[in-house]
Amino acid sequence: MNRLGLSISALFVMALLMYMPVWMAEDEKPAQSMSDSALRPAYKAKNLTTTLYNDEGKVNHEVYAASMEHYDQLGFVLFSQPKYTVYAAENEAPWQVTADKGTLYNDDLIQLEDNVLIKSLNPDEFVQTITTDFIKVNLDDKTMTSDQPVDIRGVQTIIKSNGFNANLRTQQYELIDHVQTIYSPGS
């Protein structure tokens, strides 16, 4: 190769080395902006109340939250201080579920965390309250599950367990790892 060929080759390599970081940086920016936009909520709301109805037009559940952030691309909604009122069956008193934090996924599955309280709004119900630090609630089939310590209280009963499954429609409760039951009949 002669001097002219070497000079042209050297200039080509230098130009390639100078513009390669620019080309590579341009490719990374769209991917980074897509992930950044997924991490930003599509919208936010404060003091939000939502009522959802079933196919027959009856109230299925109501949701209140002090604040809410909806993440479209990630497929979930984050709630602060959520309060769910779940209507288990027709002509039955609803259940109210509160927590410090909650996440609603697109498949009608709610995960509630920190100071979770499930309360029957029927004063005659055998189970009055259930407390735990974590619970999953399926809004479609009205079931709840937790693998955390659970405290179940009724009028004369306290049941402690390390996890449980519950069906609000059938009022069936399954203790995963029963710890203690205290029964105190009234005088």
N, C-alpha and C. Protein backbone atom coordinates (compact mmCIF):
# COMPACT_ATOMS: atom_id res chain seq x y z
N MET A 1 0.84 -1.17 0.00
CA MET A 1 0.00 0.00 0.00
C MET A 1 0.89 1.23 0.00
N ASN A 2 0.50 2.23 -0.74
CA ASN A 2 1.30 3.44 -0.80
C ASN A 2 0.86 4.43 0.27
N ARG A 3 1.58 5.54 0.32
CA ARG A 3 1.32 6.55 1.34
C ARG A 3 -0.09 7.11 1.25
N LEU A 4 -0.57 7.33 0.06
CA LEU A 4 -1.90 7.88 -0.12
C LEU A 4 -2.96 6.92 0.42
N GLY A 5 -2.81 5.65 0.16
CA GLY A 5 -3.75 4.64 0.65
C GLY A 5 -3.72 4.55 2.18
N LEU A 6 -2.52 4.61 2.76
CA LEU A 6 -2.39 4.58 4.22
C LEU A 6 -3.02 5.83 4.85
N SER A 7 -2.80 6.97 4.22
CA SER A 7 -3.37 8.23 4.74
C SER A 7 -4.89 8.20 4.71
N ILE A 8 -5.46 7.73 3.62
CA ILE A 8 -6.92 7.66 3.51
C ILE A 8 -7.47 6.66 4.52
N SER A 9 -6.80 5.52 4.67
CA SER A 9 -7.23 4.51 5.66
C SER A 9 -7.15 5.07 7.07
N ALA A 10 -6.10 5.78 7.39
CA ALA A 10 -5.94 6.36 8.73
C ALA A 10 -7.02 7.41 8.99
N LEU A 11 -7.33 8.25 8.00
CA LEU A 11 -8.39 9.25 8.16
C LEU A 11 -9.76 8.57 8.36
N PHE A 12 -10.00 7.51 7.61
CA PHE A 12 -11.26 6.78 7.74
C PHE A 12 -11.40 6.18 9.15
N VAL A 13 -10.33 5.56 9.65
CA VAL A 13 -10.35 4.96 10.99
C VAL A 13 -10.54 6.04 12.05
N MET A 14 -9.87 7.20 11.90
CA MET A 14 -10.02 8.30 12.87
C MET A 14 -11.45 8.84 12.86
N ALA A 15 -12.03 8.98 11.68
CA ALA A 15 -13.42 9.46 11.59
C ALA A 15 -14.37 8.45 12.22
N LEU A 16 -14.11 7.18 11.97
CA LEU A 16 -14.94 6.13 12.56
C LEU A 16 -14.84 6.16 14.09
N LEU A 17 -13.63 6.30 14.61
CA LEU A 17 -13.44 6.36 16.07
C LEU A 17 -14.06 7.61 16.69
N MET A 18 -14.05 8.72 15.95
CA MET A 18 -14.64 9.95 16.48
C MET A 18 -16.16 9.88 16.53
N TYR A 19 -16.79 9.29 15.53
CA TYR A 19 -18.25 9.25 15.47
C TYR A 19 -18.88 8.03 16.13
N MET A 20 -18.08 7.02 16.45
CA MET A 20 -18.64 5.82 17.08
C MET A 20 -19.32 6.13 18.41
N PRO A 21 -18.73 6.92 19.32
CA PRO A 21 -19.45 7.23 20.58
C PRO A 21 -20.76 7.98 20.33
N VAL A 22 -20.82 8.82 19.32
CA VAL A 22 -22.06 9.55 19.00
C VAL A 22 -23.12 8.57 18.53
N TRP A 23 -22.76 7.64 17.68
CA TRP A 23 -23.72 6.65 17.18
C TRP A 23 -24.22 5.75 18.32
N MET A 24 -23.29 5.36 19.18
CA MET A 24 -23.68 4.49 20.29
C MET A 24 -24.56 5.23 21.29
N ALA A 25 -24.26 6.49 21.55
CA ALA A 25 -25.06 7.28 22.50
C ALA A 25 -26.47 7.48 21.98
N GLU A 26 -26.63 7.67 20.68
CA GLU A 26 -27.96 7.85 20.11
C GLU A 26 -28.81 6.59 20.27
N ASP A 27 -28.21 5.43 20.19
CA ASP A 27 -28.95 4.18 20.34
C ASP A 27 -29.41 3.98 21.77
N GLU A 28 -28.64 4.43 22.76
CA GLU A 28 -28.99 4.21 24.16
C GLU A 28 -30.09 5.15 24.65
N LYS A 29 -30.17 6.35 24.13
CA LYS A 29 -31.12 7.33 24.63
C LYS A 29 -32.58 6.89 24.51
N PRO A 30 -33.05 6.36 23.38
CA PRO A 30 -34.46 5.94 23.33
C PRO A 30 -34.78 4.83 24.33
N ALA A 31 -33.89 3.87 24.51
CA ALA A 31 -34.15 2.80 25.47
C ALA A 31 -34.22 3.35 26.88
N GLN A 32 -33.34 4.29 27.21
CA GLN A 32 -33.35 4.87 28.54
C GLN A 32 -34.61 5.70 28.76
N SER A 33 -35.05 6.47 27.77
CA SER A 33 -36.25 7.28 27.95
C SER A 33 -37.50 6.41 28.07
N MET A 34 -37.51 5.23 27.40
CA MET A 34 -38.66 4.34 27.54
C MET A 34 -38.75 3.80 28.96
N SER A 35 -37.62 3.40 29.54
CA SER A 35 -37.66 2.87 30.90
C SER A 35 -37.97 3.99 31.90
N ASP A 36 -37.48 5.20 31.63
CA ASP A 36 -37.81 6.33 32.50
C ASP A 36 -39.30 6.63 32.47
N SER A 37 -39.91 6.57 31.31
CA SER A 37 -41.33 6.87 31.22
C SER A 37 -42.16 5.79 31.90
N ALA A 38 -41.69 4.55 31.90
CA ALA A 38 -42.41 3.47 32.59
C ALA A 38 -42.39 3.68 34.10
N LEU A 39 -41.35 4.33 34.60
CA LEU A 39 -41.22 4.55 36.04
C LEU A 39 -41.98 5.79 36.51
N ARG A 40 -42.48 6.57 35.58
CA ARG A 40 -43.29 7.74 35.94
C ARG A 40 -44.76 7.38 35.81
N PRO A 41 -45.58 7.75 36.80
CA PRO A 41 -47.01 7.41 36.70
C PRO A 41 -47.67 8.14 35.54
N ALA A 42 -48.63 7.46 34.91
CA ALA A 42 -49.40 8.08 33.83
C ALA A 42 -50.26 9.20 34.39
N TYR A 43 -50.79 8.99 35.60
CA TYR A 43 -51.53 10.04 36.28
C TYR A 43 -51.55 9.77 37.78
N LYS A 44 -51.82 10.82 38.54
CA LYS A 44 -51.91 10.76 40.00
C LYS A 44 -53.24 11.35 40.42
N ALA A 45 -53.73 10.90 41.58
CA ALA A 45 -54.97 11.45 42.12
C ALA A 45 -54.86 11.48 43.64
N LYS A 46 -55.58 12.39 44.24
CA LYS A 46 -55.64 12.49 45.71
C LYS A 46 -57.09 12.39 46.14
N ASN A 47 -57.31 11.77 47.32
CA ASN A 47 -58.65 11.61 47.87
C ASN A 47 -59.61 11.05 46.82
N LEU A 48 -59.23 9.92 46.26
CA LEU A 48 -59.96 9.29 45.17
C LEU A 48 -60.95 8.26 45.71
N THR A 49 -62.16 8.28 45.21
CA THR A 49 -63.16 7.25 45.51
C THR A 49 -63.67 6.70 44.19
N THR A 50 -63.64 5.36 44.06
CA THR A 50 -64.09 4.69 42.85
C THR A 50 -65.06 3.58 43.24
N THR A 51 -66.15 3.45 42.51
CA THR A 51 -67.12 2.37 42.72
C THR A 51 -67.18 1.53 41.46
N LEU A 52 -67.02 0.21 41.61
CA LEU A 52 -67.09 -0.71 40.48
C LEU A 52 -68.32 -1.58 40.62
N TYR A 53 -68.99 -1.81 39.50
CA TYR A 53 -70.24 -2.58 39.49
C TYR A 53 -70.03 -3.90 38.75
N ASN A 54 -70.82 -4.90 39.11
CA ASN A 54 -70.75 -6.19 38.41
C ASN A 54 -71.65 -6.15 37.17
N ASP A 55 -71.78 -7.30 36.50
CA ASP A 55 -72.56 -7.37 35.26
C ASP A 55 -74.04 -7.08 35.47
N GLU A 56 -74.56 -7.36 36.68
CA GLU A 56 -75.98 -7.10 36.98
C GLU A 56 -76.23 -5.67 37.43
N GLY A 57 -75.18 -4.85 37.50
CA GLY A 57 -75.34 -3.47 37.91
C GLY A 57 -75.30 -3.26 39.42
N LYS A 58 -74.90 -4.28 40.16
CA LYS A 58 -74.81 -4.17 41.62
C LYS A 58 -73.36 -3.81 42.00
N VAL A 59 -73.20 -3.12 43.12
CA VAL A 59 -71.87 -2.70 43.55
C VAL A 59 -71.02 -3.93 43.85
N ASN A 60 -69.86 -4.01 43.22
CA ASN A 60 -68.92 -5.10 43.43
C ASN A 60 -67.91 -4.74 44.52
N HIS A 61 -67.32 -3.56 44.39
CA HIS A 61 -66.44 -3.05 45.43
C HIS A 61 -66.23 -1.54 45.24
N GLU A 62 -65.87 -0.92 46.34
CA GLU A 62 -65.57 0.52 46.34
C GLU A 62 -64.15 0.69 46.84
N VAL A 63 -63.48 1.68 46.28
CA VAL A 63 -62.09 1.95 46.65
C VAL A 63 -61.96 3.41 47.02
N TYR A 64 -61.33 3.66 48.15
CA TYR A 64 -60.94 5.02 48.52
C TYR A 64 -59.44 4.98 48.76
N ALA A 65 -58.74 6.05 48.39
CA ALA A 65 -57.31 6.16 48.68
C ALA A 65 -56.96 7.62 48.90
N ALA A 66 -56.05 7.85 49.86
CA ALA A 66 -55.57 9.20 50.10
C ALA A 66 -54.82 9.71 48.88
N SER A 67 -54.04 8.81 48.25
CA SER A 67 -53.38 9.16 46.99
C SER A 67 -53.24 7.89 46.15
N MET A 68 -53.15 8.10 44.82
CA MET A 68 -53.08 7.00 43.89
C MET A 68 -52.18 7.39 42.73
N GLU A 69 -51.36 6.44 42.28
CA GLU A 69 -50.50 6.64 41.11
C GLU A 69 -50.71 5.47 40.16
N HIS A 70 -51.07 5.76 38.90
CA HIS A 70 -51.35 4.72 37.92
C HIS A 70 -50.16 4.60 36.96
N TYR A 71 -49.59 3.39 36.87
CA TYR A 71 -48.46 3.11 35.99
C TYR A 71 -48.97 2.23 34.85
N ASP A 72 -49.30 2.86 33.71
CA ASP A 72 -49.86 2.15 32.55
C ASP A 72 -48.93 1.07 32.03
N GLN A 73 -47.68 1.44 31.75
CA GLN A 73 -46.75 0.52 31.12
C GLN A 73 -46.39 -0.66 32.03
N LEU A 74 -46.39 -0.46 33.32
CA LEU A 74 -46.04 -1.53 34.25
C LEU A 74 -47.26 -2.34 34.67
N GLY A 75 -48.46 -1.82 34.48
CA GLY A 75 -49.68 -2.57 34.71
C GLY A 75 -50.14 -2.64 36.16
N PHE A 76 -49.92 -1.57 36.93
CA PHE A 76 -50.43 -1.57 38.29
C PHE A 76 -50.72 -0.15 38.76
N VAL A 77 -51.44 -0.08 39.90
CA VAL A 77 -51.79 1.18 40.53
C VAL A 77 -51.32 1.11 41.97
N LEU A 78 -50.61 2.15 42.43
CA LEU A 78 -50.16 2.23 43.82
C LEU A 78 -51.12 3.12 44.60
N PHE A 79 -51.49 2.66 45.80
CA PHE A 79 -52.39 3.42 46.66
C PHE A 79 -51.71 3.74 47.98
N SER A 80 -52.03 4.89 48.51
CA SER A 80 -51.63 5.27 49.87
C SER A 80 -52.89 5.34 50.72
N GLN A 81 -52.87 4.69 51.86
CA GLN A 81 -54.03 4.63 52.78
C GLN A 81 -55.28 4.12 52.07
N PRO A 82 -55.19 2.96 51.39
CA PRO A 82 -56.37 2.46 50.69
C PRO A 82 -57.43 1.93 51.66
N LYS A 83 -58.67 2.05 51.24
CA LYS A 83 -59.81 1.48 51.97
C LYS A 83 -60.72 0.85 50.92
N TYR A 84 -60.77 -0.48 50.93
CA TYR A 84 -61.61 -1.23 49.99
C TYR A 84 -62.84 -1.72 50.73
N THR A 85 -63.98 -1.54 50.13
CA THR A 85 -65.22 -2.13 50.64
C THR A 85 -65.61 -3.18 49.62
N VAL A 86 -65.59 -4.45 50.05
CA VAL A 86 -65.83 -5.58 49.17
C VAL A 86 -67.20 -6.15 49.48
N TYR A 87 -68.07 -6.18 48.48
CA TYR A 87 -69.40 -6.74 48.63
C TYR A 87 -69.32 -8.20 48.20
N ALA A 88 -69.31 -9.11 49.18
CA ALA A 88 -69.08 -10.52 48.91
C ALA A 88 -70.26 -11.19 48.24
N ALA A 89 -71.46 -10.98 48.74
CA ALA A 89 -72.64 -11.63 48.18
C ALA A 89 -73.84 -10.70 48.34
N GLU A 90 -74.86 -10.94 47.50
CA GLU A 90 -76.07 -10.12 47.56
C GLU A 90 -76.75 -10.33 48.92
N ASN A 91 -77.30 -9.27 49.48
CA ASN A 91 -77.98 -9.27 50.78
C ASN A 91 -77.07 -9.63 51.94
N GLU A 92 -75.75 -9.54 51.74
CA GLU A 92 -74.78 -9.77 52.81
C GLU A 92 -74.07 -8.45 53.09
N ALA A 93 -73.72 -8.25 54.35
CA ALA A 93 -72.98 -7.04 54.71
C ALA A 93 -71.58 -7.10 54.09
N PRO A 94 -71.07 -5.98 53.65
CA PRO A 94 -69.75 -5.97 53.01
C PRO A 94 -68.62 -6.09 54.04
N TRP A 95 -67.43 -6.29 53.53
CA TRP A 95 -66.21 -6.30 54.32
C TRP A 95 -65.41 -5.06 53.94
N GLN A 96 -64.73 -4.48 54.90
CA GLN A 96 -63.90 -3.31 54.63
C GLN A 96 -62.45 -3.68 54.93
N VAL A 97 -61.57 -3.40 53.97
CA VAL A 97 -60.16 -3.73 54.08
C VAL A 97 -59.36 -2.44 54.01
N THR A 98 -58.55 -2.16 55.03
CA THR A 98 -57.72 -0.95 55.05
C THR A 98 -56.26 -1.35 55.26
N ALA A 99 -55.35 -0.47 54.83
CA ALA A 99 -53.91 -0.70 54.98
C ALA A 99 -53.19 0.63 54.80
N ASP A 100 -51.89 0.61 55.05
CA ASP A 100 -51.08 1.80 54.81
C ASP A 100 -50.75 1.94 53.32
N LYS A 101 -50.46 0.79 52.66
CA LYS A 101 -50.08 0.81 51.25
C LYS A 101 -50.82 -0.29 50.51
N GLY A 102 -51.05 -0.06 49.23
CA GLY A 102 -51.70 -1.08 48.41
C GLY A 102 -51.27 -1.00 46.97
N THR A 103 -51.34 -2.14 46.29
CA THR A 103 -51.04 -2.22 44.86
C THR A 103 -52.14 -3.02 44.19
N LEU A 104 -52.76 -2.43 43.18
CA LEU A 104 -53.80 -3.09 42.40
C LEU A 104 -53.21 -3.43 41.05
N TYR A 105 -53.27 -4.72 40.70
CA TYR A 105 -52.75 -5.18 39.42
C TYR A 105 -53.89 -5.31 38.41
N ASN A 106 -53.55 -5.39 37.13
CA ASN A 106 -54.55 -5.43 36.06
C ASN A 106 -55.47 -6.64 36.14
N ASP A 107 -55.07 -7.70 36.84
CA ASP A 107 -55.89 -8.91 36.93
C ASP A 107 -56.79 -8.89 38.17
N ASP A 108 -57.12 -7.71 38.69
CA ASP A 108 -57.98 -7.52 39.86
C ASP A 108 -57.43 -8.20 41.11
N LEU A 109 -56.13 -8.23 41.24
CA LEU A 109 -55.46 -8.73 42.43
C LEU A 109 -54.88 -7.54 43.18
N ILE A 110 -55.20 -7.45 44.46
CA ILE A 110 -54.71 -6.35 45.30
C ILE A 110 -53.74 -6.92 46.32
N GLN A 111 -52.61 -6.28 46.49
CA GLN A 111 -51.70 -6.61 47.57
C GLN A 111 -51.70 -5.44 48.53
N LEU A 112 -52.01 -5.72 49.79
CA LEU A 112 -52.05 -4.69 50.81
C LEU A 112 -50.95 -4.96 51.82
N GLU A 113 -50.29 -3.88 52.28
CA GLU A 113 -49.16 -4.02 53.18
C GLU A 113 -49.26 -3.02 54.33
N ASP A 114 -48.73 -3.43 55.46
CA ASP A 114 -48.56 -2.60 56.65
C ASP A 114 -49.91 -2.21 57.28
N ASN A 115 -50.11 -2.69 58.49
CA ASN A 115 -51.31 -2.41 59.28
C ASN A 115 -52.60 -2.76 58.54
N VAL A 116 -52.64 -3.96 57.99
CA VAL A 116 -53.82 -4.40 57.24
C VAL A 116 -54.91 -4.79 58.24
N LEU A 117 -56.11 -4.25 58.04
CA LEU A 117 -57.27 -4.56 58.88
C LEU A 117 -58.43 -4.93 57.97
N ILE A 118 -58.95 -6.14 58.15
CA ILE A 118 -60.14 -6.59 57.44
C ILE A 118 -61.26 -6.61 58.47
N LYS A 119 -62.34 -5.91 58.19
CA LYS A 119 -63.40 -5.74 59.18
C LYS A 119 -64.75 -6.07 58.54
N SER A 120 -65.52 -6.91 59.24
CA SER A 120 -66.87 -7.20 58.79
C SER A 120 -67.76 -6.03 59.18
N LEU A 121 -68.59 -5.58 58.27
CA LEU A 121 -69.53 -4.50 58.58
C LEU A 121 -70.86 -5.06 59.09
N ASN A 122 -70.88 -6.38 59.36
CA ASN A 122 -72.03 -7.04 59.96
C ASN A 122 -71.68 -7.34 61.42
N PRO A 123 -72.35 -6.69 62.38
CA PRO A 123 -72.00 -6.90 63.80
C PRO A 123 -72.29 -8.31 64.30
N ASP A 124 -73.07 -9.11 63.57
CA ASP A 124 -73.40 -10.46 63.98
C ASP A 124 -72.49 -11.52 63.37
N GLU A 125 -71.54 -11.12 62.56
CA GLU A 125 -70.64 -12.06 61.89
C GLU A 125 -69.74 -12.75 62.91
N PHE A 126 -69.46 -14.05 62.71
CA PHE A 126 -68.59 -14.81 63.62
C PHE A 126 -67.20 -14.19 63.66
N VAL A 127 -66.63 -13.88 62.49
CA VAL A 127 -65.33 -13.21 62.42
C VAL A 127 -65.61 -11.72 62.26
N GLN A 128 -65.11 -10.92 63.19
CA GLN A 128 -65.31 -9.47 63.14
C GLN A 128 -64.15 -8.74 62.49
N THR A 129 -62.90 -9.11 62.89
CA THR A 129 -61.72 -8.44 62.34
C THR A 129 -60.61 -9.45 62.08
N ILE A 130 -59.79 -9.13 61.10
CA ILE A 130 -58.59 -9.88 60.79
C ILE A 130 -57.49 -8.85 60.61
N THR A 131 -56.39 -9.03 61.32
CA THR A 131 -55.26 -8.10 61.18
C THR A 131 -54.02 -8.87 60.77
N THR A 132 -53.19 -8.24 59.95
CA THR A 132 -51.94 -8.81 59.47
C THR A 132 -51.11 -7.68 58.87
N ASP A 133 -49.90 -8.01 58.40
CA ASP A 133 -49.07 -6.99 57.75
C ASP A 133 -49.05 -7.12 56.24
N PHE A 134 -49.60 -8.23 55.71
CA PHE A 134 -49.61 -8.41 54.26
C PHE A 134 -50.76 -9.32 53.88
N ILE A 135 -51.46 -8.97 52.81
CA ILE A 135 -52.55 -9.82 52.33
C ILE A 135 -52.74 -9.58 50.84
N LYS A 136 -53.15 -10.65 50.14
CA LYS A 136 -53.56 -10.55 48.74
C LYS A 136 -55.06 -10.75 48.69
N VAL A 137 -55.75 -9.89 47.96
CA VAL A 137 -57.20 -9.99 47.81
C VAL A 137 -57.51 -10.13 46.32
N ASN A 138 -58.25 -11.18 45.97
CA ASN A 138 -58.71 -11.36 44.60
C ASN A 138 -60.13 -10.81 44.53
N LEU A 139 -60.31 -9.72 43.81
CA LEU A 139 -61.61 -9.06 43.76
C LEU A 139 -62.63 -9.84 42.93
N ASP A 140 -62.18 -10.68 42.02
CA ASP A 140 -63.11 -11.46 41.20
C ASP A 140 -63.79 -12.56 42.00
N ASP A 141 -62.99 -13.38 42.69
CA ASP A 141 -63.60 -14.50 43.42
C ASP A 141 -63.72 -14.24 44.92
N LYS A 142 -63.40 -13.02 45.36
CA LYS A 142 -63.59 -12.59 46.76
C LYS A 142 -62.82 -13.48 47.74
N THR A 143 -61.57 -13.78 47.39
CA THR A 143 -60.73 -14.58 48.28
C THR A 143 -59.57 -13.73 48.78
N MET A 144 -59.05 -14.11 49.94
CA MET A 144 -57.92 -13.43 50.54
C MET A 144 -56.91 -14.48 50.97
N THR A 145 -55.64 -14.15 50.91
CA THR A 145 -54.59 -15.04 51.37
C THR A 145 -53.44 -14.24 51.95
N SER A 146 -52.80 -14.83 52.97
CA SER A 146 -51.64 -14.19 53.60
C SER A 146 -50.72 -15.28 54.11
N ASP A 147 -49.42 -15.03 54.04
CA ASP A 147 -48.45 -15.94 54.61
C ASP A 147 -47.76 -15.31 55.83
N GLN A 148 -48.32 -14.21 56.32
CA GLN A 148 -47.79 -13.50 57.47
C GLN A 148 -48.61 -13.83 58.73
N PRO A 149 -48.09 -13.52 59.92
CA PRO A 149 -48.89 -13.72 61.14
C PRO A 149 -50.23 -12.99 61.04
N VAL A 150 -51.29 -13.71 61.46
CA VAL A 150 -52.65 -13.21 61.33
C VAL A 150 -53.34 -13.31 62.69
N ASP A 151 -54.12 -12.30 63.02
CA ASP A 151 -54.91 -12.28 64.25
C ASP A 151 -56.38 -12.16 63.83
N ILE A 152 -57.17 -13.21 64.10
CA ILE A 152 -58.58 -13.24 63.72
C ILE A 152 -59.40 -13.11 65.00
N ARG A 153 -60.29 -12.12 65.04
CA ARG A 153 -61.08 -11.87 66.25
C ARG A 153 -62.57 -11.92 65.94
N GLY A 154 -63.27 -12.60 66.85
CA GLY A 154 -64.72 -12.64 66.80
C GLY A 154 -65.26 -12.13 68.13
N VAL A 155 -66.55 -12.29 68.36
CA VAL A 155 -67.17 -11.79 69.58
C VAL A 155 -66.55 -12.43 70.81
N GLN A 156 -66.34 -13.74 70.80
CA GLN A 156 -65.79 -14.44 71.95
C GLN A 156 -64.53 -15.23 71.63
N THR A 157 -63.94 -14.99 70.47
CA THR A 157 -62.84 -15.81 70.00
C THR A 157 -61.69 -14.97 69.48
N ILE A 158 -60.46 -15.43 69.78
CA ILE A 158 -59.24 -14.87 69.20
C ILE A 158 -58.46 -16.05 68.63
N ILE A 159 -58.12 -15.98 67.35
CA ILE A 159 -57.36 -17.03 66.69
C ILE A 159 -56.10 -16.41 66.12
N LYS A 160 -54.97 -17.03 66.44
CA LYS A 160 -53.68 -16.57 65.91
C LYS A 160 -53.12 -17.64 64.99
N SER A 161 -52.58 -17.19 63.85
CA SER A 161 -52.08 -18.11 62.85
C SER A 161 -50.94 -17.47 62.09
N ASN A 162 -50.11 -18.29 61.48
CA ASN A 162 -49.05 -17.79 60.60
C ASN A 162 -49.49 -17.98 59.16
N GLY A 163 -50.49 -17.23 58.76
CA GLY A 163 -51.02 -17.29 57.41
C GLY A 163 -52.41 -17.89 57.39
N PHE A 164 -53.17 -17.53 56.36
CA PHE A 164 -54.52 -18.06 56.20
C PHE A 164 -55.01 -17.84 54.78
N ASN A 165 -56.05 -18.58 54.43
CA ASN A 165 -56.80 -18.39 53.19
C ASN A 165 -58.24 -18.15 53.61
N ALA A 166 -58.92 -17.24 52.94
CA ALA A 166 -60.31 -16.94 53.28
C ALA A 166 -61.12 -16.74 52.01
N ASN A 167 -62.37 -17.19 52.07
CA ASN A 167 -63.31 -16.95 51.00
C ASN A 167 -64.46 -16.15 51.61
N LEU A 168 -64.59 -14.90 51.20
CA LEU A 168 -65.61 -14.03 51.79
C LEU A 168 -67.02 -14.43 51.38
N ARG A 169 -67.17 -15.06 50.22
CA ARG A 169 -68.50 -15.48 49.77
C ARG A 169 -69.03 -16.64 50.61
N THR A 170 -68.17 -17.64 50.86
CA THR A 170 -68.61 -18.83 51.58
C THR A 170 -68.34 -18.75 53.08
N GLN A 171 -67.62 -17.70 53.51
CA GLN A 171 -67.25 -17.53 54.91
C GLN A 171 -66.40 -18.70 55.42
N GLN A 172 -65.57 -19.26 54.56
CA GLN A 172 -64.67 -20.34 54.96
C GLN A 172 -63.27 -19.78 55.14
N TYR A 173 -62.63 -20.17 56.24
CA TYR A 173 -61.30 -19.70 56.58
C TYR A 173 -60.41 -20.92 56.81
N GLU A 174 -59.24 -20.91 56.22
CA GLU A 174 -58.28 -21.99 56.40
C GLU A 174 -57.02 -21.41 57.02
N LEU A 175 -56.63 -21.93 58.17
CA LEU A 175 -55.41 -21.48 58.83
C LEU A 175 -54.23 -22.26 58.26
N ILE A 176 -53.19 -21.56 57.87
CA ILE A 176 -52.02 -22.22 57.28
C ILE A 176 -51.18 -22.87 58.39
N ASP A 177 -50.88 -22.15 59.44
CA ASP A 177 -50.07 -22.66 60.54
C ASP A 177 -50.68 -22.12 61.84
N HIS A 178 -51.66 -22.84 62.36
CA HIS A 178 -52.39 -22.41 63.55
C HIS A 178 -51.44 -22.29 64.74
N VAL A 179 -51.55 -21.19 65.47
CA VAL A 179 -50.69 -20.95 66.63
C VAL A 179 -51.46 -21.10 67.92
N GLN A 180 -52.61 -20.40 68.02
CA GLN A 180 -53.36 -20.39 69.28
C GLN A 180 -54.81 -19.96 69.03
N THR A 181 -55.73 -20.54 69.81
CA THR A 181 -57.11 -20.11 69.81
C THR A 181 -57.52 -19.88 71.24
N ILE A 182 -58.15 -18.74 71.47
CA ILE A 182 -58.66 -18.40 72.81
C ILE A 182 -60.16 -18.21 72.66
N TYR A 183 -60.91 -18.99 73.46
CA TYR A 183 -62.37 -18.88 73.46
C TYR A 183 -62.80 -18.41 74.84
N SER A 184 -63.53 -17.30 74.90
CA SER A 184 -63.97 -16.69 76.15
C SER A 184 -65.48 -16.53 76.12
N PRO A 185 -66.25 -17.55 76.52
CA PRO A 185 -67.71 -17.39 76.50
C PRO A 185 -68.15 -16.33 77.50
N GLY A 186 -69.15 -15.57 77.07
CA GLY A 186 -69.68 -14.50 77.93
C GLY A 186 -70.47 -15.07 79.10
N SER A 187 -70.57 -14.30 80.15
CA SER A 187 -71.32 -14.78 81.33
C SER A 187 -72.77 -14.51 81.20
